[in-house]
Amino acid sequence: MNLKEVEDLIALMNKNKLEEIEIEKGDWKIHLRKKGKKIVQEVFTSKEPAGEKPSPDLKQEKKFKQIKSPIVGTFYRASSPDAEPFVEVGDEIEKDQTLCIIEAMKVMNEIKSETKGKIKEILVENGEAVEFDQPLFTVET
């Protein structure tokens, strides 16, 4: 699957007002999900037979990790409305560094990094409700 095919899938989603699409083609499976006009998750996986070496693209893909919400609640990028966000796209992060807060039942839960790396994407808007296991950040490890 190439970039043009992914762009075509996104156009198909927009044209038909689809929120989610999953396609399998050859050795590739792609799952796209969007919220509003913004794609919030892309997942590529290979169904390669055992013993075959992964392509260079797959090796590169494994460098990215998603940090997901451990609870249902409200996502906050900073400790208070007038404070600076904990992280921005491009920031280098360390293991156990606070990335955001999720408020659940009036309790503020700090969400910490499970790995060190670089923030590539922030997948949730400040003040947005999040579900359990919803991707929050994409980190390049």
N, C-alpha and C. Protein backbone atom coordinates (compact mmCIF):
# COMPACT_ATOMS: atom_id res chain seq x y z
N MET A 1 0.85 -1.16 0.00
CA MET A 1 0.00 0.00 0.00
C MET A 1 0.90 1.24 0.00
N ASN A 2 0.58 2.18 -0.85
CA ASN A 2 1.39 3.38 -0.94
C ASN A 2 0.60 4.61 -0.46
N LEU A 3 1.28 5.73 -0.41
CA LEU A 3 0.68 6.97 0.10
C LEU A 3 -0.55 7.37 -0.71
N LYS A 4 -0.51 7.21 -2.02
CA LYS A 4 -1.65 7.57 -2.88
C LYS A 4 -2.89 6.75 -2.50
N GLU A 5 -2.68 5.45 -2.23
CA GLU A 5 -3.81 4.60 -1.85
C GLU A 5 -4.40 5.03 -0.50
N VAL A 6 -3.54 5.42 0.44
CA VAL A 6 -4.01 5.91 1.74
C VAL A 6 -4.80 7.20 1.55
N GLU A 7 -4.27 8.11 0.71
CA GLU A 7 -4.97 9.36 0.43
C GLU A 7 -6.34 9.08 -0.20
N ASP A 8 -6.41 8.09 -1.10
CA ASP A 8 -7.67 7.72 -1.73
C ASP A 8 -8.67 7.20 -0.69
N LEU A 9 -8.17 6.42 0.29
CA LEU A 9 -9.04 5.92 1.35
C LEU A 9 -9.60 7.07 2.19
N ILE A 10 -8.75 8.03 2.49
CA ILE A 10 -9.18 9.20 3.27
C ILE A 10 -10.24 9.98 2.49
N ALA A 11 -10.02 10.16 1.18
CA ALA A 11 -10.99 10.85 0.33
C ALA A 11 -12.32 10.08 0.31
N LEU A 12 -12.24 8.75 0.23
CA LEU A 12 -13.44 7.90 0.25
C LEU A 12 -14.19 8.08 1.57
N MET A 13 -13.44 8.13 2.67
CA MET A 13 -14.06 8.34 3.98
C MET A 13 -14.80 9.68 4.02
N ASN A 14 -14.12 10.73 3.55
CA ASN A 14 -14.72 12.06 3.57
C ASN A 14 -15.95 12.14 2.67
N LYS A 15 -15.85 11.57 1.47
CA LYS A 15 -16.96 11.62 0.50
C LYS A 15 -18.20 10.92 1.04
N ASN A 16 -18.01 9.79 1.70
CA ASN A 16 -19.13 9.00 2.19
C ASN A 16 -19.44 9.23 3.67
N LYS A 17 -18.77 10.23 4.26
CA LYS A 17 -18.98 10.59 5.67
C LYS A 17 -18.79 9.40 6.60
N LEU A 18 -17.76 8.61 6.34
CA LEU A 18 -17.44 7.46 7.17
C LEU A 18 -16.57 7.90 8.33
N GLU A 19 -16.80 7.33 9.51
CA GLU A 19 -16.00 7.63 10.69
C GLU A 19 -14.83 6.66 10.83
N GLU A 20 -14.98 5.46 10.23
CA GLU A 20 -13.96 4.44 10.42
C GLU A 20 -13.97 3.53 9.20
N ILE A 21 -12.77 3.06 8.83
CA ILE A 21 -12.67 2.13 7.71
C ILE A 21 -11.49 1.20 7.96
N GLU A 22 -11.66 -0.06 7.58
CA GLU A 22 -10.59 -1.04 7.70
C GLU A 22 -10.53 -1.81 6.40
N ILE A 23 -9.35 -1.87 5.80
CA ILE A 23 -9.17 -2.52 4.50
C ILE A 23 -7.98 -3.47 4.59
N GLU A 24 -8.12 -4.63 3.96
CA GLU A 24 -7.01 -5.56 3.82
C GLU A 24 -6.70 -5.67 2.34
N LYS A 25 -5.41 -5.55 2.02
CA LYS A 25 -4.99 -5.65 0.62
C LYS A 25 -3.62 -6.31 0.61
N GLY A 26 -3.55 -7.49 0.04
CA GLY A 26 -2.28 -8.21 0.00
C GLY A 26 -1.79 -8.47 1.41
N ASP A 27 -0.56 -8.07 1.69
CA ASP A 27 0.05 -8.27 3.00
C ASP A 27 -0.27 -7.15 3.99
N TRP A 28 -1.07 -6.18 3.58
CA TRP A 28 -1.32 -5.02 4.42
C TRP A 28 -2.74 -4.96 4.93
N LYS A 29 -2.88 -4.45 6.11
CA LYS A 29 -4.18 -4.16 6.70
C LYS A 29 -4.08 -2.73 7.22
N ILE A 30 -5.04 -1.89 6.88
CA ILE A 30 -5.03 -0.50 7.36
C ILE A 30 -6.36 -0.23 8.05
N HIS A 31 -6.27 0.45 9.17
CA HIS A 31 -7.44 0.83 9.94
C HIS A 31 -7.36 2.33 10.16
N LEU A 32 -8.32 3.07 9.63
CA LEU A 32 -8.36 4.53 9.78
C LEU A 32 -9.62 4.89 10.55
N ARG A 33 -9.46 5.80 11.50
CA ARG A 33 -10.59 6.27 12.28
C ARG A 33 -10.46 7.78 12.38
N LYS A 34 -11.56 8.49 12.23
CA LYS A 34 -11.46 9.94 12.34
C LYS A 34 -12.53 10.49 13.25
N LYS A 35 -12.24 11.68 13.71
CA LYS A 35 -13.16 12.41 14.57
C LYS A 35 -13.32 13.78 13.93
N GLY A 36 -14.51 14.12 13.50
CA GLY A 36 -14.71 15.37 12.79
C GLY A 36 -14.01 15.30 11.45
N LYS A 37 -13.12 16.25 11.18
CA LYS A 37 -12.39 16.26 9.91
C LYS A 37 -10.96 15.79 10.08
N LYS A 38 -10.60 15.32 11.27
CA LYS A 38 -9.21 14.99 11.59
C LYS A 38 -9.05 13.49 11.79
N ILE A 39 -8.09 12.89 11.11
CA ILE A 39 -7.78 11.48 11.32
C ILE A 39 -7.06 11.37 12.66
N VAL A 40 -7.56 10.52 13.54
CA VAL A 40 -6.95 10.40 14.85
C VAL A 40 -6.16 9.13 15.04
N GLN A 41 -6.27 8.20 14.11
CA GLN A 41 -5.51 6.97 14.29
C GLN A 41 -5.26 6.32 12.94
N GLU A 42 -4.05 5.89 12.71
CA GLU A 42 -3.69 5.09 11.55
C GLU A 42 -2.91 3.90 12.06
N VAL A 43 -3.31 2.71 11.67
CA VAL A 43 -2.59 1.52 12.09
C VAL A 43 -2.29 0.68 10.86
N PHE A 44 -1.03 0.40 10.62
CA PHE A 44 -0.62 -0.48 9.54
C PHE A 44 -0.05 -1.74 10.16
N THR A 45 -0.47 -2.88 9.67
CA THR A 45 0.12 -4.13 10.14
C THR A 45 0.41 -5.01 8.94
N SER A 46 1.34 -5.89 9.10
CA SER A 46 1.68 -6.83 8.04
C SER A 46 1.23 -8.22 8.47
N LYS A 47 0.76 -8.98 7.51
CA LYS A 47 0.37 -10.36 7.78
C LYS A 47 1.40 -11.29 7.14
N GLU A 48 2.67 -10.97 7.28
CA GLU A 48 3.71 -11.73 6.62
C GLU A 48 3.84 -13.13 7.20
N PRO A 49 4.15 -14.12 6.34
CA PRO A 49 4.36 -15.48 6.83
C PRO A 49 5.60 -15.55 7.71
N ALA A 50 5.62 -16.50 8.65
CA ALA A 50 6.77 -16.68 9.55
C ALA A 50 8.02 -16.93 8.72
N GLY A 51 9.13 -16.39 9.16
CA GLY A 51 10.40 -16.61 8.48
C GLY A 51 10.77 -15.53 7.49
N GLU A 52 9.81 -14.74 7.02
CA GLU A 52 10.13 -13.66 6.09
C GLU A 52 10.62 -12.46 6.88
N LYS A 53 11.56 -11.74 6.30
CA LYS A 53 12.08 -10.54 6.95
C LYS A 53 11.13 -9.38 6.70
N PRO A 54 10.90 -8.55 7.71
CA PRO A 54 10.04 -7.39 7.49
C PRO A 54 10.69 -6.41 6.53
N SER A 55 9.86 -5.70 5.79
CA SER A 55 10.37 -4.69 4.87
C SER A 55 10.95 -3.54 5.67
N PRO A 56 11.78 -2.69 5.07
CA PRO A 56 12.32 -1.53 5.80
C PRO A 56 11.22 -0.62 6.35
N ASP A 57 10.08 -0.51 5.63
CA ASP A 57 9.00 0.33 6.11
C ASP A 57 8.45 -0.19 7.44
N LEU A 58 8.35 -1.51 7.58
CA LEU A 58 7.85 -2.08 8.82
C LEU A 58 8.82 -1.86 9.96
N LYS A 59 10.11 -1.96 9.68
CA LYS A 59 11.09 -1.69 10.73
C LYS A 59 10.94 -0.26 11.21
N GLN A 60 10.74 0.67 10.28
CA GLN A 60 10.58 2.07 10.65
C GLN A 60 9.28 2.26 11.44
N GLU A 61 8.22 1.56 11.05
CA GLU A 61 6.93 1.69 11.73
C GLU A 61 7.04 1.30 13.19
N LYS A 62 7.85 0.31 13.50
CA LYS A 62 7.98 -0.17 14.87
C LYS A 62 8.63 0.86 15.78
N LYS A 63 9.17 1.94 15.21
CA LYS A 63 9.77 2.99 16.02
C LYS A 63 8.71 3.86 16.68
N PHE A 64 7.44 3.69 16.33
CA PHE A 64 6.38 4.52 16.87
C PHE A 64 5.53 3.72 17.84
N LYS A 65 5.18 4.37 18.95
CA LYS A 65 4.36 3.73 19.99
C LYS A 65 3.24 4.69 20.33
N GLN A 66 2.06 4.15 20.53
CA GLN A 66 0.95 4.98 20.97
C GLN A 66 0.80 4.86 22.48
N ILE A 67 0.59 5.99 23.11
CA ILE A 67 0.29 6.01 24.53
C ILE A 67 -1.22 6.16 24.62
N LYS A 68 -1.85 5.20 25.31
CA LYS A 68 -3.31 5.13 25.36
C LYS A 68 -3.83 5.48 26.74
N SER A 69 -5.09 5.87 26.77
CA SER A 69 -5.73 6.23 28.03
C SER A 69 -6.01 4.99 28.87
N PRO A 70 -5.58 4.99 30.12
CA PRO A 70 -5.85 3.85 30.99
C PRO A 70 -7.24 3.91 31.63
N ILE A 71 -7.94 5.05 31.45
CA ILE A 71 -9.25 5.24 32.08
C ILE A 71 -10.16 6.08 31.19
N VAL A 72 -11.43 6.10 31.52
CA VAL A 72 -12.41 6.97 30.88
C VAL A 72 -12.41 8.29 31.64
N GLY A 73 -12.44 9.41 30.93
CA GLY A 73 -12.48 10.69 31.61
C GLY A 73 -12.33 11.85 30.66
N THR A 74 -11.88 12.98 31.18
CA THR A 74 -11.67 14.19 30.39
C THR A 74 -10.17 14.47 30.31
N PHE A 75 -9.67 14.68 29.09
CA PHE A 75 -8.25 14.87 28.80
C PHE A 75 -7.88 16.34 28.98
N TYR A 76 -6.79 16.58 29.73
CA TYR A 76 -6.27 17.94 29.87
C TYR A 76 -4.77 17.93 29.57
N ARG A 77 -4.32 18.88 28.76
CA ARG A 77 -2.91 18.97 28.38
C ARG A 77 -2.06 19.67 29.41
N ALA A 78 -2.68 20.39 30.36
CA ALA A 78 -1.94 21.16 31.36
C ALA A 78 -2.58 20.97 32.73
N SER A 79 -1.85 21.38 33.77
CA SER A 79 -2.34 21.21 35.14
C SER A 79 -3.44 22.21 35.53
N SER A 80 -3.53 23.31 34.77
CA SER A 80 -4.58 24.30 34.98
C SER A 80 -4.81 25.04 33.67
N PRO A 81 -5.93 25.75 33.53
CA PRO A 81 -6.22 26.43 32.27
C PRO A 81 -5.16 27.43 31.82
N ASP A 82 -4.47 28.09 32.77
CA ASP A 82 -3.48 29.08 32.38
C ASP A 82 -2.04 28.56 32.45
N ALA A 83 -1.85 27.27 32.71
CA ALA A 83 -0.51 26.68 32.75
C ALA A 83 -0.10 26.22 31.35
N GLU A 84 1.21 26.09 31.17
CA GLU A 84 1.74 25.57 29.90
C GLU A 84 1.41 24.09 29.78
N PRO A 85 1.17 23.58 28.56
CA PRO A 85 0.93 22.15 28.38
C PRO A 85 2.13 21.33 28.86
N PHE A 86 1.86 20.12 29.33
CA PHE A 86 2.94 19.24 29.78
C PHE A 86 3.90 18.93 28.64
N VAL A 87 3.35 18.67 27.44
CA VAL A 87 4.20 18.38 26.27
C VAL A 87 3.59 18.99 25.02
N GLU A 88 4.47 19.21 24.05
CA GLU A 88 4.08 19.69 22.72
C GLU A 88 4.64 18.72 21.70
N VAL A 89 4.10 18.75 20.48
CA VAL A 89 4.65 17.95 19.39
C VAL A 89 6.10 18.35 19.19
N GLY A 90 6.98 17.36 19.10
CA GLY A 90 8.40 17.61 18.92
C GLY A 90 9.21 17.54 20.20
N ASP A 91 8.53 17.55 21.35
CA ASP A 91 9.24 17.48 22.63
C ASP A 91 9.85 16.11 22.85
N GLU A 92 11.07 16.10 23.41
CA GLU A 92 11.71 14.86 23.86
C GLU A 92 11.15 14.55 25.24
N ILE A 93 10.76 13.30 25.46
CA ILE A 93 10.21 12.91 26.75
C ILE A 93 11.02 11.78 27.36
N GLU A 94 10.92 11.68 28.68
CA GLU A 94 11.60 10.62 29.43
C GLU A 94 10.56 9.67 29.99
N LYS A 95 10.99 8.47 30.33
CA LYS A 95 10.10 7.50 30.96
C LYS A 95 9.61 8.10 32.28
N ASP A 96 8.34 7.89 32.58
CA ASP A 96 7.67 8.38 33.80
C ASP A 96 7.44 9.88 33.82
N GLN A 97 7.62 10.57 32.69
CA GLN A 97 7.33 12.00 32.61
C GLN A 97 5.82 12.19 32.44
N THR A 98 5.24 13.16 33.15
CA THR A 98 3.81 13.45 33.02
C THR A 98 3.54 14.03 31.65
N LEU A 99 2.54 13.45 30.95
CA LEU A 99 2.19 13.89 29.60
C LEU A 99 0.87 14.65 29.57
N CYS A 100 -0.05 14.28 30.48
CA CYS A 100 -1.36 14.91 30.51
C CYS A 100 -2.05 14.52 31.81
N ILE A 101 -3.25 15.03 31.97
CA ILE A 101 -4.09 14.66 33.11
C ILE A 101 -5.42 14.18 32.54
N ILE A 102 -5.94 13.13 33.13
CA ILE A 102 -7.30 12.70 32.80
C ILE A 102 -8.12 12.77 34.07
N GLU A 103 -9.17 13.59 34.00
CA GLU A 103 -10.06 13.74 35.15
C GLU A 103 -11.15 12.67 35.07
N ALA A 104 -11.28 11.92 36.15
CA ALA A 104 -12.32 10.90 36.23
C ALA A 104 -12.95 10.98 37.62
N MET A 105 -14.23 11.21 37.66
CA MET A 105 -14.97 11.29 38.93
C MET A 105 -14.33 12.31 39.88
N LYS A 106 -14.00 13.48 39.35
CA LYS A 106 -13.44 14.61 40.11
C LYS A 106 -12.02 14.34 40.64
N VAL A 107 -11.38 13.26 40.14
CA VAL A 107 -10.00 12.96 40.53
C VAL A 107 -9.11 13.23 39.32
N MET A 108 -8.03 13.98 39.55
CA MET A 108 -7.08 14.30 38.49
C MET A 108 -5.99 13.23 38.46
N ASN A 109 -5.93 12.46 37.38
CA ASN A 109 -4.99 11.36 37.23
C ASN A 109 -3.89 11.76 36.26
N GLU A 110 -2.65 11.82 36.73
CA GLU A 110 -1.52 12.12 35.85
C GLU A 110 -1.22 10.90 34.99
N ILE A 111 -1.11 11.11 33.69
CA ILE A 111 -0.74 10.04 32.77
C ILE A 111 0.72 10.23 32.43
N LYS A 112 1.51 9.21 32.71
CA LYS A 112 2.96 9.30 32.54
C LYS A 112 3.42 8.45 31.36
N SER A 113 4.54 8.84 30.80
CA SER A 113 5.12 8.12 29.67
C SER A 113 5.64 6.76 30.11
N GLU A 114 5.40 5.76 29.27
CA GLU A 114 5.91 4.42 29.54
C GLU A 114 7.27 4.21 28.89
N THR A 115 7.70 5.19 28.11
CA THR A 115 8.94 5.07 27.36
C THR A 115 9.55 6.44 27.13
N LYS A 116 10.81 6.47 26.76
CA LYS A 116 11.40 7.75 26.36
C LYS A 116 11.31 7.85 24.85
N GLY A 117 11.30 9.07 24.35
CA GLY A 117 11.19 9.27 22.92
C GLY A 117 10.84 10.71 22.59
N LYS A 118 10.18 10.88 21.45
CA LYS A 118 9.82 12.21 20.95
C LYS A 118 8.34 12.21 20.59
N ILE A 119 7.60 13.22 21.06
CA ILE A 119 6.17 13.33 20.75
C ILE A 119 6.01 13.66 19.26
N LYS A 120 5.34 12.75 18.54
CA LYS A 120 5.09 12.96 17.11
C LYS A 120 3.69 13.52 16.86
N GLU A 121 2.70 13.06 17.67
CA GLU A 121 1.32 13.52 17.50
C GLU A 121 0.63 13.58 18.85
N ILE A 122 -0.24 14.57 18.99
CA ILE A 122 -1.17 14.63 20.12
C ILE A 122 -2.53 14.38 19.49
N LEU A 123 -3.14 13.27 19.84
CA LEU A 123 -4.32 12.78 19.13
C LEU A 123 -5.65 13.22 19.72
N VAL A 124 -5.61 13.95 20.83
CA VAL A 124 -6.84 14.37 21.52
C VAL A 124 -6.77 15.86 21.79
N GLU A 125 -7.90 16.52 21.69
CA GLU A 125 -7.98 17.95 21.97
C GLU A 125 -8.15 18.18 23.47
N ASN A 126 -7.64 19.30 23.96
CA ASN A 126 -7.78 19.66 25.37
C ASN A 126 -9.26 19.74 25.74
N GLY A 127 -9.63 19.12 26.87
CA GLY A 127 -11.00 19.16 27.35
C GLY A 127 -11.91 18.11 26.72
N GLU A 128 -11.37 17.28 25.84
CA GLU A 128 -12.16 16.26 25.15
C GLU A 128 -12.33 15.02 26.02
N ALA A 129 -13.50 14.40 25.94
CA ALA A 129 -13.75 13.15 26.65
C ALA A 129 -12.97 12.04 25.96
N VAL A 130 -12.36 11.15 26.76
CA VAL A 130 -11.62 10.02 26.20
C VAL A 130 -12.15 8.71 26.77
N GLU A 131 -11.99 7.67 26.00
CA GLU A 131 -12.43 6.33 26.37
C GLU A 131 -11.24 5.53 26.87
N PHE A 132 -11.50 4.44 27.56
CA PHE A 132 -10.44 3.52 27.95
C PHE A 132 -9.75 2.99 26.70
N ASP A 133 -8.43 2.97 26.72
CA ASP A 133 -7.58 2.43 25.65
C ASP A 133 -7.57 3.30 24.38
N GLN A 134 -8.11 4.52 24.46
CA GLN A 134 -8.06 5.42 23.32
C GLN A 134 -6.66 6.00 23.17
N PRO A 135 -6.09 5.99 21.96
CA PRO A 135 -4.76 6.58 21.77
C PRO A 135 -4.77 8.08 22.08
N LEU A 136 -3.77 8.52 22.85
CA LEU A 136 -3.63 9.93 23.23
C LEU A 136 -2.48 10.59 22.51
N PHE A 137 -1.35 9.87 22.43
CA PHE A 137 -0.11 10.40 21.85
C PHE A 137 0.53 9.33 20.97
N THR A 138 1.25 9.80 19.95
CA THR A 138 2.14 8.93 19.19
C THR A 138 3.55 9.39 19.54
N VAL A 139 4.39 8.42 19.95
CA VAL A 139 5.76 8.72 20.38
C VAL A 139 6.73 7.97 19.47
N GLU A 140 7.75 8.67 18.99
CA GLU A 140 8.83 8.02 18.25
C GLU A 140 9.85 7.56 19.28
N THR A 141 10.06 6.23 19.35
CA THR A 141 10.97 5.69 20.36
C THR A 141 12.38 5.53 19.82
